[in-house]
Amino acid sequence: MTDAPVSPNPLGDAAATEDQVGLAAAAIVSGFALAVTLLSLITWWTWRLAMASGIDRIEALAPDAAQVNVITYGLPVVLACTGFLAWWLMRPIASTYRRFGLTMVSVLGGFVIGAVVTALVRELAGASFLPGAAVVGAVLTLMAVRRTRRLAEPTAA
């Protein structure tokens, strides 16, 4: 008898034993959609507070104004929520290293996509349409979460 051939995979025993690319991609998309939802809501809330305060120039803005606090504390909340969702959805991925790296892709990519979508909606349609963007993002988030959970289920052979 001859020994089994050596695996060409450079990771050896650390290599994944099952294909989880679809699961990871769906979890990342879930984070992207959640970031769009939350950033749209935070931007809309900040805009509403700014309009209610009557400030017409950036120089007149007080550093302790409510709208400054909403945007200052809201952005880390978006990052944390996006990261938590992606991390939670990627539970089946055994490697903490891979799971963390993919979660960071979701967090940072979601922030960029959310910021671009929010800026485009605000500039092209107006800030009053930001809740609509949040609703679309929430629906996409729910669809992506559902897909991720379906992909995470063990398949019966």
N, C-alpha and C. Protein backbone atom coordinates (compact mmCIF):
# COMPACT_ATOMS: atom_id res chain seq x y z
N MET A 1 0.83 -1.18 0.00
CA MET A 1 0.00 0.00 0.00
C MET A 1 0.88 1.24 0.00
N THR A 2 0.41 2.22 -0.73
CA THR A 2 1.14 3.48 -0.77
C THR A 2 0.40 4.50 0.09
N ASP A 3 1.15 5.46 0.53
CA ASP A 3 0.55 6.54 1.33
C ASP A 3 -0.33 7.42 0.44
N ALA A 4 -1.29 8.07 1.07
CA ALA A 4 -2.16 8.99 0.34
C ALA A 4 -1.32 10.15 -0.19
N PRO A 5 -1.68 10.65 -1.36
CA PRO A 5 -0.89 11.77 -1.91
C PRO A 5 -1.01 12.99 -1.01
N VAL A 6 0.04 13.75 -0.97
CA VAL A 6 0.08 14.97 -0.18
C VAL A 6 -0.85 16.00 -0.82
N SER A 7 -1.63 16.66 0.01
CA SER A 7 -2.57 17.65 -0.49
C SER A 7 -1.83 18.83 -1.09
N PRO A 8 -2.29 19.31 -2.24
CA PRO A 8 -1.63 20.49 -2.82
C PRO A 8 -2.01 21.78 -2.10
N ASN A 9 -2.94 21.71 -1.17
CA ASN A 9 -3.38 22.90 -0.45
C ASN A 9 -2.28 23.34 0.51
N PRO A 10 -1.80 24.58 0.38
CA PRO A 10 -0.72 25.04 1.26
C PRO A 10 -1.14 25.17 2.72
N LEU A 11 -2.46 25.19 3.00
CA LEU A 11 -2.92 25.32 4.38
C LEU A 11 -2.92 23.99 5.12
N GLY A 12 -2.83 22.89 4.39
CA GLY A 12 -2.79 21.58 5.03
C GLY A 12 -4.02 21.31 5.86
N ASP A 13 -3.81 20.98 7.14
CA ASP A 13 -4.92 20.66 8.03
C ASP A 13 -5.80 21.86 8.34
N ALA A 14 -5.29 23.07 8.17
CA ALA A 14 -6.08 24.27 8.47
C ALA A 14 -7.05 24.61 7.34
N ALA A 15 -7.00 23.87 6.24
CA ALA A 15 -7.88 24.15 5.11
C ALA A 15 -9.32 23.79 5.48
N ALA A 16 -10.24 24.55 4.94
CA ALA A 16 -11.66 24.28 5.18
C ALA A 16 -12.04 22.95 4.54
N THR A 17 -12.92 22.24 5.19
CA THR A 17 -13.34 20.93 4.68
C THR A 17 -14.63 21.03 3.87
N GLU A 18 -15.31 22.16 3.94
CA GLU A 18 -16.52 22.35 3.16
C GLU A 18 -16.53 23.74 2.56
N ASP A 19 -17.30 23.88 1.50
CA ASP A 19 -17.38 25.16 0.80
C ASP A 19 -18.33 26.09 1.54
N GLN A 20 -17.80 27.18 2.07
CA GLN A 20 -18.61 28.15 2.81
C GLN A 20 -18.51 29.54 2.18
N VAL A 21 -18.14 29.59 0.92
CA VAL A 21 -18.00 30.87 0.24
C VAL A 21 -19.36 31.55 0.10
N GLY A 22 -20.38 30.79 -0.26
CA GLY A 22 -21.72 31.35 -0.39
C GLY A 22 -22.23 31.90 0.92
N LEU A 23 -21.99 31.18 2.00
CA LEU A 23 -22.39 31.62 3.33
C LEU A 23 -21.69 32.92 3.69
N ALA A 24 -20.39 32.98 3.47
CA ALA A 24 -19.63 34.19 3.79
C ALA A 24 -20.09 35.37 2.95
N ALA A 25 -20.31 35.14 1.66
CA ALA A 25 -20.76 36.22 0.78
C ALA A 25 -22.13 36.74 1.20
N ALA A 26 -23.04 35.84 1.55
CA ALA A 26 -24.38 36.27 1.98
C ALA A 26 -24.31 37.04 3.30
N ALA A 27 -23.44 36.62 4.21
CA ALA A 27 -23.29 37.33 5.48
C ALA A 27 -22.70 38.72 5.26
N ILE A 28 -21.76 38.82 4.34
CA ILE A 28 -21.17 40.13 4.03
C ILE A 28 -22.22 41.06 3.42
N VAL A 29 -23.02 40.53 2.50
CA VAL A 29 -24.08 41.34 1.89
C VAL A 29 -25.09 41.77 2.95
N SER A 30 -25.36 40.91 3.91
CA SER A 30 -26.27 41.29 5.01
C SER A 30 -25.72 42.50 5.76
N GLY A 31 -24.43 42.48 6.02
CA GLY A 31 -23.80 43.62 6.69
C GLY A 31 -23.85 44.87 5.85
N PHE A 32 -23.63 44.73 4.55
CA PHE A 32 -23.72 45.89 3.65
C PHE A 32 -25.11 46.52 3.72
N ALA A 33 -26.13 45.68 3.62
CA ALA A 33 -27.51 46.19 3.62
C ALA A 33 -27.87 46.81 4.96
N LEU A 34 -27.41 46.22 6.06
CA LEU A 34 -27.67 46.80 7.37
C LEU A 34 -26.99 48.16 7.51
N ALA A 35 -25.79 48.28 6.99
CA ALA A 35 -25.08 49.57 7.04
C ALA A 35 -25.84 50.64 6.27
N VAL A 36 -26.38 50.29 5.10
CA VAL A 36 -27.18 51.25 4.33
C VAL A 36 -28.39 51.68 5.15
N THR A 37 -29.05 50.73 5.78
CA THR A 37 -30.24 51.03 6.59
C THR A 37 -29.89 51.99 7.73
N LEU A 38 -28.90 51.64 8.51
CA LEU A 38 -28.57 52.43 9.69
C LEU A 38 -27.98 53.80 9.34
N LEU A 39 -27.12 53.85 8.34
CA LEU A 39 -26.56 55.14 7.94
C LEU A 39 -27.62 56.06 7.37
N SER A 40 -28.58 55.52 6.64
CA SER A 40 -29.68 56.35 6.13
C SER A 40 -30.49 56.93 7.28
N LEU A 41 -30.78 56.11 8.27
CA LEU A 41 -31.56 56.59 9.41
C LEU A 41 -30.80 57.63 10.23
N ILE A 42 -29.53 57.39 10.47
CA ILE A 42 -28.73 58.34 11.25
C ILE A 42 -28.57 59.66 10.50
N THR A 43 -28.35 59.58 9.20
CA THR A 43 -28.22 60.80 8.40
C THR A 43 -29.53 61.58 8.40
N TRP A 44 -30.64 60.87 8.26
CA TRP A 44 -31.95 61.53 8.27
C TRP A 44 -32.22 62.17 9.63
N TRP A 45 -31.93 61.46 10.69
CA TRP A 45 -32.14 61.99 12.05
C TRP A 45 -31.28 63.23 12.28
N THR A 46 -30.03 63.16 11.86
CA THR A 46 -29.14 64.31 12.00
C THR A 46 -29.66 65.50 11.20
N TRP A 47 -30.12 65.25 9.99
CA TRP A 47 -30.68 66.31 9.15
C TRP A 47 -31.91 66.93 9.81
N ARG A 48 -32.79 66.10 10.38
CA ARG A 48 -33.99 66.62 11.05
C ARG A 48 -33.63 67.50 12.24
N LEU A 49 -32.65 67.05 13.03
CA LEU A 49 -32.23 67.85 14.18
C LEU A 49 -31.59 69.17 13.74
N ALA A 50 -30.82 69.12 12.66
CA ALA A 50 -30.18 70.34 12.16
C ALA A 50 -31.23 71.33 11.66
N MET A 51 -32.24 70.83 10.98
CA MET A 51 -33.30 71.72 10.48
C MET A 51 -34.10 72.31 11.64
N ALA A 52 -34.34 71.51 12.67
CA ALA A 52 -35.11 71.99 13.82
C ALA A 52 -34.34 73.03 14.62
N SER A 53 -33.01 72.96 14.59
CA SER A 53 -32.21 73.91 15.36
C SER A 53 -32.12 75.28 14.67
N GLY A 54 -32.41 75.33 13.38
CA GLY A 54 -32.38 76.60 12.66
C GLY A 54 -30.99 77.06 12.28
N ILE A 55 -30.01 76.23 12.35
CA ILE A 55 -28.64 76.62 11.99
C ILE A 55 -28.54 76.70 10.47
N ASP A 56 -28.02 77.80 9.98
CA ASP A 56 -27.89 77.98 8.54
C ASP A 56 -26.44 77.96 8.07
N ARG A 57 -25.49 78.02 9.00
CA ARG A 57 -24.07 78.00 8.64
C ARG A 57 -23.35 77.01 9.54
N ILE A 58 -22.33 76.39 8.99
CA ILE A 58 -21.55 75.42 9.75
C ILE A 58 -20.82 76.09 10.91
N GLU A 59 -20.47 77.36 10.75
CA GLU A 59 -19.76 78.08 11.79
C GLU A 59 -20.64 78.29 13.03
N ALA A 60 -21.94 78.30 12.84
CA ALA A 60 -22.86 78.52 13.96
C ALA A 60 -23.17 77.24 14.73
N LEU A 61 -22.65 76.13 14.28
CA LEU A 61 -22.93 74.84 14.91
C LEU A 61 -22.13 74.69 16.20
N ALA A 62 -22.81 74.40 17.28
CA ALA A 62 -22.13 74.17 18.56
C ALA A 62 -21.63 72.73 18.61
N PRO A 63 -20.44 72.51 19.17
CA PRO A 63 -19.89 71.16 19.21
C PRO A 63 -20.71 70.20 20.08
N ASP A 64 -21.54 70.73 20.96
CA ASP A 64 -22.34 69.86 21.82
C ASP A 64 -23.81 69.80 21.37
N ALA A 65 -24.08 70.19 20.14
CA ALA A 65 -25.45 70.17 19.62
C ALA A 65 -25.92 68.73 19.46
N ALA A 66 -27.23 68.55 19.50
CA ALA A 66 -27.81 67.21 19.42
C ALA A 66 -27.44 66.51 18.12
N GLN A 67 -27.46 67.24 17.00
CA GLN A 67 -27.14 66.60 15.72
C GLN A 67 -25.69 66.16 15.66
N VAL A 68 -24.81 66.86 16.33
CA VAL A 68 -23.40 66.46 16.38
C VAL A 68 -23.27 65.17 17.18
N ASN A 69 -23.99 65.08 18.29
CA ASN A 69 -23.94 63.86 19.09
C ASN A 69 -24.52 62.67 18.36
N VAL A 70 -25.61 62.88 17.62
CA VAL A 70 -26.22 61.77 16.89
C VAL A 70 -25.25 61.21 15.86
N ILE A 71 -24.62 62.06 15.10
CA ILE A 71 -23.70 61.56 14.07
C ILE A 71 -22.42 61.01 14.71
N THR A 72 -21.95 61.64 15.77
CA THR A 72 -20.71 61.19 16.41
C THR A 72 -20.87 59.82 17.06
N TYR A 73 -21.96 59.62 17.77
CA TYR A 73 -22.17 58.34 18.44
C TYR A 73 -22.89 57.33 17.55
N GLY A 74 -23.55 57.81 16.52
CA GLY A 74 -24.27 56.90 15.63
C GLY A 74 -23.35 56.11 14.72
N LEU A 75 -22.27 56.72 14.25
CA LEU A 75 -21.37 56.02 13.35
C LEU A 75 -20.71 54.80 13.99
N PRO A 76 -20.20 54.88 15.22
CA PRO A 76 -19.67 53.67 15.84
C PRO A 76 -20.75 52.60 16.07
N VAL A 77 -21.98 53.03 16.32
CA VAL A 77 -23.07 52.07 16.49
C VAL A 77 -23.32 51.31 15.19
N VAL A 78 -23.26 52.03 14.06
CA VAL A 78 -23.42 51.38 12.76
C VAL A 78 -22.33 50.33 12.55
N LEU A 79 -21.10 50.70 12.83
CA LEU A 79 -19.99 49.77 12.67
C LEU A 79 -20.14 48.54 13.57
N ALA A 80 -20.54 48.77 14.81
CA ALA A 80 -20.70 47.66 15.76
C ALA A 80 -21.85 46.74 15.34
N CYS A 81 -22.96 47.32 14.95
CA CYS A 81 -24.12 46.50 14.55
C CYS A 81 -23.82 45.69 13.29
N THR A 82 -23.16 46.32 12.34
CA THR A 82 -22.79 45.62 11.11
C THR A 82 -21.84 44.47 11.41
N GLY A 83 -20.86 44.74 12.24
CA GLY A 83 -19.90 43.70 12.61
C GLY A 83 -20.55 42.57 13.38
N PHE A 84 -21.42 42.91 14.31
CA PHE A 84 -22.09 41.87 15.09
C PHE A 84 -22.95 40.98 14.20
N LEU A 85 -23.71 41.59 13.28
CA LEU A 85 -24.56 40.80 12.40
C LEU A 85 -23.72 39.85 11.55
N ALA A 86 -22.66 40.35 10.93
CA ALA A 86 -21.82 39.50 10.09
C ALA A 86 -21.17 38.39 10.91
N TRP A 87 -20.65 38.72 12.08
CA TRP A 87 -20.01 37.73 12.94
C TRP A 87 -21.02 36.64 13.34
N TRP A 88 -22.21 37.06 13.70
CA TRP A 88 -23.24 36.11 14.12
C TRP A 88 -23.67 35.20 12.97
N LEU A 89 -23.82 35.77 11.79
CA LEU A 89 -24.25 34.96 10.65
C LEU A 89 -23.17 33.99 10.19
N MET A 90 -21.92 34.29 10.48
CA MET A 90 -20.82 33.41 10.06
C MET A 90 -20.44 32.40 11.14
N ARG A 91 -21.34 32.11 12.04
CA ARG A 91 -21.07 31.12 13.09
C ARG A 91 -20.56 29.79 12.55
N PRO A 92 -21.10 29.28 11.44
CA PRO A 92 -20.61 27.97 10.96
C PRO A 92 -19.16 27.96 10.51
N ILE A 93 -18.56 29.11 10.29
CA ILE A 93 -17.16 29.15 9.87
C ILE A 93 -16.30 28.91 11.10
N ALA A 94 -15.59 27.81 11.11
CA ALA A 94 -14.85 27.38 12.30
C ALA A 94 -13.64 28.25 12.61
N SER A 95 -12.98 28.75 11.59
CA SER A 95 -11.76 29.53 11.78
C SER A 95 -12.11 30.95 12.24
N THR A 96 -11.70 31.28 13.46
CA THR A 96 -11.94 32.62 13.98
C THR A 96 -11.20 33.66 13.16
N TYR A 97 -10.04 33.32 12.67
CA TYR A 97 -9.25 34.23 11.85
C TYR A 97 -10.00 34.59 10.57
N ARG A 98 -10.51 33.58 9.88
CA ARG A 98 -11.27 33.83 8.64
C ARG A 98 -12.55 34.60 8.95
N ARG A 99 -13.22 34.19 9.99
CA ARG A 99 -14.49 34.82 10.36
C ARG A 99 -14.28 36.30 10.68
N PHE A 100 -13.23 36.62 11.41
CA PHE A 100 -12.94 38.01 11.74
C PHE A 100 -12.59 38.81 10.50
N GLY A 101 -11.78 38.26 9.62
CA GLY A 101 -11.40 38.96 8.40
C GLY A 101 -12.61 39.25 7.52
N LEU A 102 -13.48 38.27 7.38
CA LEU A 102 -14.69 38.47 6.58
C LEU A 102 -15.64 39.46 7.25
N THR A 103 -15.67 39.46 8.57
CA THR A 103 -16.49 40.43 9.28
C THR A 103 -15.98 41.85 9.04
N MET A 104 -14.67 42.02 9.02
CA MET A 104 -14.10 43.34 8.75
C MET A 104 -14.41 43.79 7.33
N VAL A 105 -14.45 42.86 6.38
CA VAL A 105 -14.86 43.20 5.02
C VAL A 105 -16.28 43.74 5.05
N SER A 106 -17.15 43.08 5.81
CA SER A 106 -18.54 43.52 5.91
C SER A 106 -18.64 44.90 6.57
N VAL A 107 -17.90 45.11 7.63
CA VAL A 107 -17.97 46.38 8.36
C VAL A 107 -17.45 47.54 7.51
N LEU A 108 -16.26 47.41 6.99
CA LEU A 108 -15.65 48.51 6.26
C LEU A 108 -16.31 48.72 4.89
N GLY A 109 -16.58 47.62 4.20
CA GLY A 109 -17.27 47.74 2.92
C GLY A 109 -18.68 48.27 3.09
N GLY A 110 -19.36 47.81 4.13
CA GLY A 110 -20.71 48.30 4.41
C GLY A 110 -20.72 49.78 4.71
N PHE A 111 -19.73 50.26 5.44
CA PHE A 111 -19.65 51.68 5.74
C PHE A 111 -19.48 52.50 4.46
N VAL A 112 -18.60 52.05 3.58
CA VAL A 112 -18.36 52.78 2.33
C VAL A 112 -19.62 52.75 1.46
N ILE A 113 -20.20 51.57 1.29
CA ILE A 113 -21.40 51.46 0.46
C ILE A 113 -22.55 52.27 1.07
N GLY A 114 -22.72 52.17 2.38
CA GLY A 114 -23.78 52.93 3.04
C GLY A 114 -23.58 54.43 2.90
N ALA A 115 -22.35 54.88 3.03
CA ALA A 115 -22.07 56.32 2.90
C ALA A 115 -22.33 56.80 1.47
N VAL A 116 -21.95 56.00 0.48
CA VAL A 116 -22.17 56.39 -0.91
C VAL A 116 -23.67 56.41 -1.22
N VAL A 117 -24.39 55.37 -0.81
CA VAL A 117 -25.83 55.32 -1.07
C VAL A 117 -26.55 56.47 -0.38
N THR A 118 -26.20 56.71 0.87
CA THR A 118 -26.83 57.79 1.62
C THR A 118 -26.55 59.15 0.98
N ALA A 119 -25.32 59.38 0.57
CA ALA A 119 -24.97 60.66 -0.07
C ALA A 119 -25.70 60.82 -1.40
N LEU A 120 -25.79 59.74 -2.17
CA LEU A 120 -26.49 59.82 -3.45
C LEU A 120 -27.97 60.10 -3.27
N VAL A 121 -28.59 59.40 -2.34
CA VAL A 121 -30.02 59.62 -2.10
C VAL A 121 -30.24 61.05 -1.63
N ARG A 122 -29.41 61.51 -0.71
CA ARG A 122 -29.57 62.87 -0.18
C ARG A 122 -29.38 63.93 -1.25
N GLU A 123 -28.40 63.76 -2.11
CA GLU A 123 -28.12 64.76 -3.13
C GLU A 123 -29.09 64.70 -4.31
N LEU A 124 -29.48 63.50 -4.71
CA LEU A 124 -30.31 63.37 -5.90
C LEU A 124 -31.81 63.47 -5.61
N ALA A 125 -32.25 62.92 -4.47
CA ALA A 125 -33.68 62.91 -4.17
C ALA A 125 -34.05 63.83 -3.02
N GLY A 126 -33.10 64.12 -2.16
CA GLY A 126 -33.38 64.96 -1.00
C GLY A 126 -33.34 64.15 0.28
N ALA A 127 -33.05 64.82 1.37
CA ALA A 127 -32.91 64.14 2.66
C ALA A 127 -34.21 63.50 3.13
N SER A 128 -35.34 64.00 2.66
CA SER A 128 -36.61 63.42 3.09
C SER A 128 -36.82 62.01 2.52
N PHE A 129 -36.02 61.60 1.55
CA PHE A 129 -36.12 60.26 0.99
C PHE A 129 -35.20 59.25 1.69
N LEU A 130 -34.45 59.69 2.67
CA LEU A 130 -33.55 58.78 3.39
C LEU A 130 -34.31 57.66 4.14
N PRO A 131 -35.47 57.93 4.75
CA PRO A 131 -36.20 56.81 5.35
C PRO A 131 -36.60 55.75 4.32
N GLY A 132 -36.88 56.16 3.09
CA GLY A 132 -37.17 55.19 2.04
C GLY A 132 -35.96 54.33 1.73
N ALA A 133 -34.78 54.94 1.70
CA ALA A 133 -33.56 54.16 1.50
C ALA A 133 -33.34 53.19 2.66
N ALA A 134 -33.71 53.62 3.87
CA ALA A 134 -33.58 52.75 5.03
C ALA A 134 -34.53 51.55 4.92
N VAL A 135 -35.73 51.79 4.43
CA VAL A 135 -36.69 50.69 4.26
C VAL A 135 -36.17 49.69 3.23
N VAL A 136 -35.68 50.19 2.11
CA VAL A 136 -35.11 49.30 1.09
C VAL A 136 -33.94 48.52 1.68
N GLY A 137 -33.07 49.19 2.43
CA GLY A 137 -31.95 48.51 3.07
C GLY A 137 -32.41 47.46 4.06
N ALA A 138 -33.47 47.75 4.81
CA ALA A 138 -33.98 46.78 5.79
C ALA A 138 -34.55 45.55 5.10
N VAL A 139 -35.27 45.75 4.00
CA VAL A 139 -35.80 44.61 3.25
C VAL A 139 -34.66 43.77 2.70
N LEU A 140 -33.65 44.42 2.14
CA LEU A 140 -32.49 43.69 1.63
C LEU A 140 -31.75 42.96 2.74
N THR A 141 -31.67 43.59 3.91
CA THR A 141 -31.02 42.94 5.06
C THR A 141 -31.77 41.67 5.43
N LEU A 142 -33.08 41.77 5.54
CA LEU A 142 -33.87 40.58 5.90
C LEU A 142 -33.74 39.47 4.86
N MET A 143 -33.74 39.84 3.59
CA MET A 143 -33.58 38.83 2.55
C MET A 143 -32.19 38.17 2.61
N ALA A 144 -31.17 38.97 2.84
CA ALA A 144 -29.81 38.42 2.91
C ALA A 144 -29.61 37.57 4.17
N VAL A 145 -30.20 37.98 5.28
CA VAL A 145 -30.11 37.18 6.51
C VAL A 145 -30.80 35.84 6.30
N ARG A 146 -31.96 35.89 5.67
CA ARG A 146 -32.70 34.64 5.41
C ARG A 146 -31.88 33.71 4.52
N ARG A 147 -31.25 34.26 3.49
CA ARG A 147 -30.42 33.45 2.60
C ARG A 147 -29.21 32.89 3.35
N THR A 148 -28.60 33.70 4.17
CA THR A 148 -27.42 33.24 4.93
C THR A 148 -27.80 32.10 5.86
N ARG A 149 -28.91 32.24 6.54
CA ARG A 149 -29.34 31.19 7.48
C ARG A 149 -29.69 29.92 6.74
N ARG A 150 -30.25 30.05 5.54
CA ARG A 150 -30.56 28.86 4.75
C ARG A 150 -29.27 28.16 4.30
N LEU A 151 -28.25 28.95 3.93
CA LEU A 151 -26.98 28.37 3.53
C LEU A 151 -26.23 27.75 4.71
N ALA A 152 -26.52 28.21 5.91
CA ALA A 152 -25.82 27.69 7.10
C ALA A 152 -26.40 26.36 7.57
N GLU A 153 -27.60 26.03 7.11
CA GLU A 153 -28.21 24.76 7.54
C GLU A 153 -27.43 23.59 6.97
N PRO A 154 -27.24 22.57 7.79
CA PRO A 154 -26.54 21.39 7.27
C PRO A 154 -27.39 20.70 6.22
N THR A 155 -26.74 20.29 5.16
CA THR A 155 -27.46 19.62 4.07
C THR A 155 -27.50 18.12 4.32
N ALA A 156 -28.63 17.54 4.03
CA ALA A 156 -28.76 16.07 4.17
C ALA A 156 -28.31 15.43 2.87
N ALA A 157 -27.38 14.54 2.99
CA ALA A 157 -26.83 13.89 1.79
C ALA A 157 -27.63 12.67 1.41
